[in-house]
Amino acid sequence: MSIDFHIGAHRTGSSAIQSFCVRNREELAARGVHYPEAPTDKVAMKGETTAGNANPLYRHIAGERDFPKFWNAHLEALESGRHLLYSAEVFWGKGMSVLPEITRGAETRIIVYLRPQTEVLVSAYARHVRLKNYPGTLDDLFEKVRAQFHFEPRLKTLESMYSQVVVRPYNKRAFRDGLLMSDLLAQLGLDYDSAFTGAEMVVNRHETDAQMSADLRQRMIAEYDEENRRICERYFDGAPWLLPWSEENAQLSA
């Protein structure tokens, strides 16, 4: 039995991936990859933001809410020996500690997409303003989330638990066929073709007119540069996908 577990990171197309997997559940199953059902499937089918099909498993194990139906279905799926695919961003953050409980006994591969922190901040800010009426500035939000933007410690924690941690750059220029979904399928050992639908659907994208100041940009570069370079060497064969890009390249990865 095996599990591919996509866990984000934040602002890297996770809702789009989850919508794609729900829409293509039967096609994935026909090719040997089973994407278990979740309470948010109807939302995902509409192309709206979801927490992912593994979120009920996290909430069940963490004691936030009982989801015996989905937990028991998960255990049965493990026993069946099927190749399972899960997705939920919660495991990039607070849920990371309970991942071993969910994947116990299964050969597990973790899949993470990363983009430069400067891009993540602008994208997160647009979402905060749009959905939460956030009153602060980009600088304010950065002070609030700066610790979360240190990717390397999280990757080290994952590697201490799993032998297979796949890290991919979130940038159209790095995706296979220029498509995130084609790139994801490649990690699953599958080819993207016309049998799949909704690969270019835009989900959970928010726009903002906010401009990052040169000072904030330099402070962010200084804070994350060394670890970003190590990540690029370790996972991207030295390609600088996590280093700050020009405005043109930032738009390509949006």
Protein backbone atom coordinates (compact mmCIF):
# COMPACT_ATOMS: atom_id res chain seq x y z
CA MET A 1 0.00 0.00 0.00
CA SER A 2 1.20 3.47 -0.83
CA ILE A 3 0.19 7.07 -0.29
CA ASP A 4 1.09 10.20 -2.19
CA PHE A 5 0.42 13.09 0.19
CA HIS A 6 0.31 16.60 -1.28
CA ILE A 7 0.54 19.11 1.59
CA GLY A 8 0.91 22.54 -0.04
CA ALA A 9 2.69 24.78 0.74
CA HIS A 10 0.37 27.76 1.12
CA ARG A 11 -0.50 29.85 -1.94
CA THR A 12 0.78 27.25 -4.40
CA GLY A 13 -2.40 26.10 -6.13
CA SER A 14 -3.60 23.57 -3.55
CA SER A 15 -7.30 24.34 -4.04
CA ALA A 16 -6.86 24.02 -7.81
CA ILE A 17 -5.17 20.65 -7.32
CA GLN A 18 -7.98 19.49 -5.05
CA SER A 19 -10.65 20.63 -7.50
CA PHE A 20 -8.84 18.85 -10.34
CA CYS A 21 -8.57 15.62 -8.35
CA VAL A 22 -12.27 15.60 -7.46
CA ARG A 23 -13.29 16.32 -11.05
CA ASN A 24 -11.02 13.57 -12.32
CA ARG A 25 -11.48 11.02 -9.54
CA GLU A 26 -12.73 8.29 -11.90
CA GLU A 27 -9.96 8.88 -14.43
CA LEU A 28 -7.32 8.80 -11.70
CA ALA A 29 -8.79 5.55 -10.33
CA ALA A 30 -8.74 4.03 -13.81
CA ARG A 31 -5.00 4.69 -13.83
CA GLY A 32 -4.47 3.20 -10.39
CA VAL A 33 -4.54 6.32 -8.19
CA HIS A 34 -7.43 6.66 -5.76
CA TYR A 35 -8.41 10.09 -4.42
CA PRO A 36 -10.64 9.40 -1.37
CA GLU A 37 -13.89 11.28 -0.92
CA ALA A 38 -14.30 14.20 1.49
CA PRO A 39 -17.13 16.42 2.80
CA THR A 40 -15.90 19.29 0.62
CA ASP A 41 -16.16 17.42 -2.70
CA LYS A 42 -19.19 19.44 -3.83
CA VAL A 43 -17.34 22.68 -3.13
CA ALA A 44 -14.30 21.42 -5.01
CA MET A 45 -16.47 20.45 -7.98
CA LYS A 46 -17.60 24.06 -8.21
CA GLY A 47 -14.00 25.22 -8.37
CA GLU A 48 -14.12 26.89 -4.98
CA THR A 49 -11.58 26.90 -2.14
CA THR A 50 -11.42 23.69 -0.12
CA ALA A 51 -9.39 22.33 2.78
CA GLY A 52 -8.61 19.13 0.87
CA ASN A 53 -9.69 15.52 1.17
CA ALA A 54 -7.26 14.77 4.02
CA ASN A 55 -8.53 17.55 6.29
CA PRO A 56 -11.19 15.31 7.94
CA LEU A 57 -8.45 12.82 8.80
CA TYR A 58 -6.41 15.53 10.48
CA ARG A 59 -9.41 16.85 12.42
CA HIS A 60 -10.36 13.33 13.50
CA ILE A 61 -6.88 12.45 14.77
CA ALA A 62 -6.33 15.90 16.33
CA GLY A 63 -9.65 15.65 18.18
CA GLU A 64 -11.12 18.77 16.61
CA ARG A 65 -14.13 16.82 15.33
CA ASP A 66 -15.04 13.18 14.96
CA PHE A 67 -15.06 11.95 11.39
CA PRO A 68 -15.39 8.17 11.92
CA LYS A 69 -16.89 7.60 8.46
CA PHE A 70 -13.89 9.05 6.68
CA TRP A 71 -11.35 7.62 9.10
CA ASN A 72 -12.75 4.11 8.78
CA ALA A 73 -12.87 4.47 5.00
CA HIS A 74 -9.23 5.50 5.11
CA LEU A 75 -8.27 2.43 7.15
CA GLU A 76 -10.18 0.19 4.74
CA ALA A 77 -8.44 1.80 1.78
CA LEU A 78 -5.05 1.18 3.41
CA GLU A 79 -5.93 -2.47 3.97
CA SER A 80 -7.01 -2.81 0.35
CA GLY A 81 -3.48 -1.98 -0.78
CA ARG A 82 -4.61 0.72 -3.19
CA HIS A 83 -2.42 3.64 -4.23
CA LEU A 84 -3.98 6.60 -2.39
CA LEU A 85 -3.67 10.30 -3.12
CA TYR A 86 -4.42 12.88 -0.43
CA SER A 87 -4.17 16.66 -0.36
CA ALA A 88 -4.48 19.14 2.49
CA GLU A 89 -2.43 22.22 3.36
CA VAL A 90 -2.99 21.74 7.10
CA PHE A 91 -0.16 19.21 7.08
CA TRP A 92 2.34 21.86 5.99
CA GLY A 93 1.57 23.56 9.30
CA LYS A 94 -0.06 22.40 12.51
CA GLY A 95 -1.08 19.04 11.11
CA MET A 96 2.45 17.87 10.38
CA SER A 97 2.77 16.17 13.76
CA VAL A 98 -0.17 13.81 13.11
CA LEU A 99 0.88 12.78 9.60
CA PRO A 100 2.60 9.59 10.81
CA GLU A 101 -0.63 8.44 12.44
CA ILE A 102 -2.49 8.74 9.14
CA THR A 103 0.24 7.15 7.01
CA ARG A 104 1.27 4.43 9.46
CA GLY A 105 2.24 1.22 7.69
CA ALA A 106 2.07 2.75 4.20
CA GLU A 107 4.89 3.60 1.84
CA THR A 108 4.46 7.36 1.78
CA ARG A 109 5.70 10.09 -0.49
CA ILE A 110 5.24 13.74 0.49
CA ILE A 111 4.73 16.29 -2.30
CA VAL A 112 5.32 19.98 -1.64
CA TYR A 113 5.28 22.97 -3.99
CA LEU A 114 7.27 26.06 -3.00
CA ARG A 115 7.52 29.59 -4.37
CA PRO A 116 9.60 32.59 -3.25
CA GLN A 117 8.40 34.13 0.00
CA THR A 118 8.05 37.55 -1.63
CA GLU A 119 5.45 36.10 -3.99
CA VAL A 120 3.70 34.17 -1.23
CA LEU A 121 3.35 37.33 0.86
CA VAL A 122 1.71 39.34 -1.93
CA SER A 123 -0.65 36.46 -2.76
CA ALA A 124 -1.52 35.92 0.92
CA TYR A 125 -2.09 39.64 1.39
CA ALA A 126 -4.56 39.74 -1.50
CA ARG A 127 -6.46 36.83 0.04
CA HIS A 128 -6.48 38.41 3.51
CA VAL A 129 -7.84 41.68 2.15
CA ARG A 130 -10.46 40.01 -0.05
CA LEU A 131 -11.76 37.40 2.38
CA LYS A 132 -10.91 38.75 5.83
CA ASN A 133 -11.01 42.53 5.28
CA TYR A 134 -7.45 42.68 6.57
CA PRO A 135 -6.72 46.32 7.52
CA GLY A 136 -2.94 46.12 7.66
CA THR A 137 -0.16 46.64 5.15
CA LEU A 138 2.17 44.15 3.49
CA ASP A 139 4.72 44.99 6.16
CA ASP A 140 2.18 44.25 8.90
CA LEU A 141 1.30 40.88 7.40
CA PHE A 142 4.95 39.97 6.98
CA GLU A 143 5.61 40.52 10.70
CA LYS A 144 2.65 38.28 11.42
CA VAL A 145 3.73 35.38 9.19
CA ARG A 146 7.50 35.74 8.85
CA ALA A 147 8.28 32.65 10.96
CA GLN A 148 5.99 30.54 8.76
CA PHE A 149 8.04 31.47 5.70
CA HIS A 150 11.10 29.57 6.88
CA PHE A 151 10.65 26.51 4.67
CA GLU A 152 13.82 24.62 5.52
CA PRO A 153 12.92 23.58 9.10
CA ARG A 154 9.61 22.16 7.87
CA LEU A 155 11.30 20.21 5.13
CA LYS A 156 13.81 18.83 7.62
CA THR A 157 10.96 17.71 9.87
CA LEU A 158 9.29 15.94 6.95
CA GLU A 159 12.55 14.27 5.99
CA SER A 160 12.98 13.03 9.55
CA MET A 161 9.65 11.22 9.17
CA TYR A 162 9.69 10.12 5.52
CA SER A 163 12.33 8.91 3.12
CA GLN A 164 10.52 10.33 0.10
CA VAL A 165 9.93 14.08 0.13
CA VAL A 166 9.40 15.60 -3.31
CA VAL A 167 9.75 19.37 -3.53
CA ARG A 168 8.70 21.11 -6.72
CA PRO A 169 8.97 24.78 -7.74
CA TYR A 170 5.66 26.56 -8.14
CA ASN A 171 6.37 28.29 -11.41
CA LYS A 172 4.85 27.74 -14.85
CA ARG A 173 8.30 27.68 -16.38
CA ALA A 174 9.20 24.69 -14.20
CA PHE A 175 5.95 22.74 -14.61
CA ARG A 176 5.80 19.88 -17.07
CA ASP A 177 3.89 21.14 -20.12
CA GLY A 178 3.64 24.49 -18.33
CA LEU A 179 0.70 23.12 -16.31
CA LEU A 180 0.56 22.54 -12.57
CA MET A 181 -1.75 19.55 -13.01
CA SER A 182 0.53 17.94 -15.58
CA ASP A 183 3.41 18.46 -13.17
CA LEU A 184 1.46 16.87 -10.32
CA LEU A 185 0.50 13.89 -12.46
CA ALA A 186 4.15 13.43 -13.36
CA GLN A 187 4.97 13.07 -9.65
CA LEU A 188 2.33 10.32 -9.52
CA GLY A 189 3.87 8.53 -12.48
CA LEU A 190 1.02 9.52 -14.79
CA ASP A 191 0.83 11.40 -18.07
CA TYR A 192 -1.51 14.30 -18.67
CA ASP A 193 -3.79 13.87 -21.70
CA SER A 194 -7.20 14.88 -23.02
CA ALA A 195 -9.01 12.41 -20.75
CA PHE A 196 -8.39 14.79 -17.85
CA THR A 197 -10.51 17.93 -17.49
CA GLY A 198 -10.19 21.23 -15.67
CA ALA A 199 -6.39 21.41 -15.71
CA GLU A 200 -6.38 25.16 -16.33
CA MET A 201 -9.14 26.10 -13.90
CA VAL A 202 -8.26 29.10 -11.72
CA VAL A 203 -9.17 28.59 -8.05
CA ASN A 204 -8.63 30.80 -5.02
CA ARG A 205 -6.73 33.51 -6.90
CA HIS A 206 -7.01 37.05 -5.55
CA GLU A 207 -5.62 40.25 -7.00
CA THR A 208 -4.17 43.25 -5.19
CA ASP A 209 -2.83 46.65 -6.15
CA ALA A 210 -0.48 46.62 -3.18
CA GLN A 211 3.15 47.14 -4.12
CA MET A 212 5.98 45.67 -2.09
CA SER A 213 8.44 48.34 -1.05
CA ALA A 214 12.09 47.94 -1.95
CA ASP A 215 12.91 47.93 1.76
CA LEU A 216 10.52 45.06 2.55
CA ARG A 217 11.74 43.11 -0.44
CA GLN A 218 15.36 43.42 0.65
CA ARG A 219 14.53 42.46 4.23
CA MET A 220 12.75 39.34 3.03
CA ILE A 221 15.61 38.40 0.72
CA ALA A 222 18.09 38.83 3.56
CA GLU A 223 16.04 36.70 5.94
CA TYR A 224 15.47 33.71 3.68
CA ASP A 225 18.26 33.81 1.11
CA GLU A 226 20.70 31.32 2.68
CA GLU A 227 18.15 28.61 3.36
CA ASN A 228 16.45 29.17 0.00
CA ARG A 229 19.75 28.61 -1.75
CA ARG A 230 20.25 25.36 0.17
CA ILE A 231 16.76 24.22 -0.82
CA CYS A 232 17.48 25.03 -4.46
CA GLU A 233 20.68 23.01 -4.34
CA ARG A 234 19.05 20.06 -2.61
CA TYR A 235 15.79 19.82 -4.50
CA PHE A 236 16.08 21.81 -7.74
CA ASP A 237 19.57 20.79 -8.90
CA GLY A 238 20.74 24.31 -8.18
CA ALA A 239 18.10 26.02 -10.33
CA PRO A 240 17.17 29.28 -8.54
CA TRP A 241 13.42 28.74 -8.41
CA LEU A 242 13.17 29.99 -4.81
CA LEU A 243 15.19 33.12 -5.34
CA PRO A 244 13.39 36.43 -5.97
CA TRP A 245 12.50 36.92 -9.59
CA SER A 246 11.87 39.86 -11.84
CA GLU A 247 8.30 41.15 -12.11
CA GLU A 248 7.89 39.25 -15.37
CA ASN A 249 8.86 35.93 -13.81
CA ALA A 250 6.74 36.59 -10.74
CA GLN A 251 3.71 36.96 -13.00
CA LEU A 252 4.55 33.68 -14.72
CA SER A 253 4.42 31.86 -11.40
CA ALA A 254 1.22 33.54 -10.16
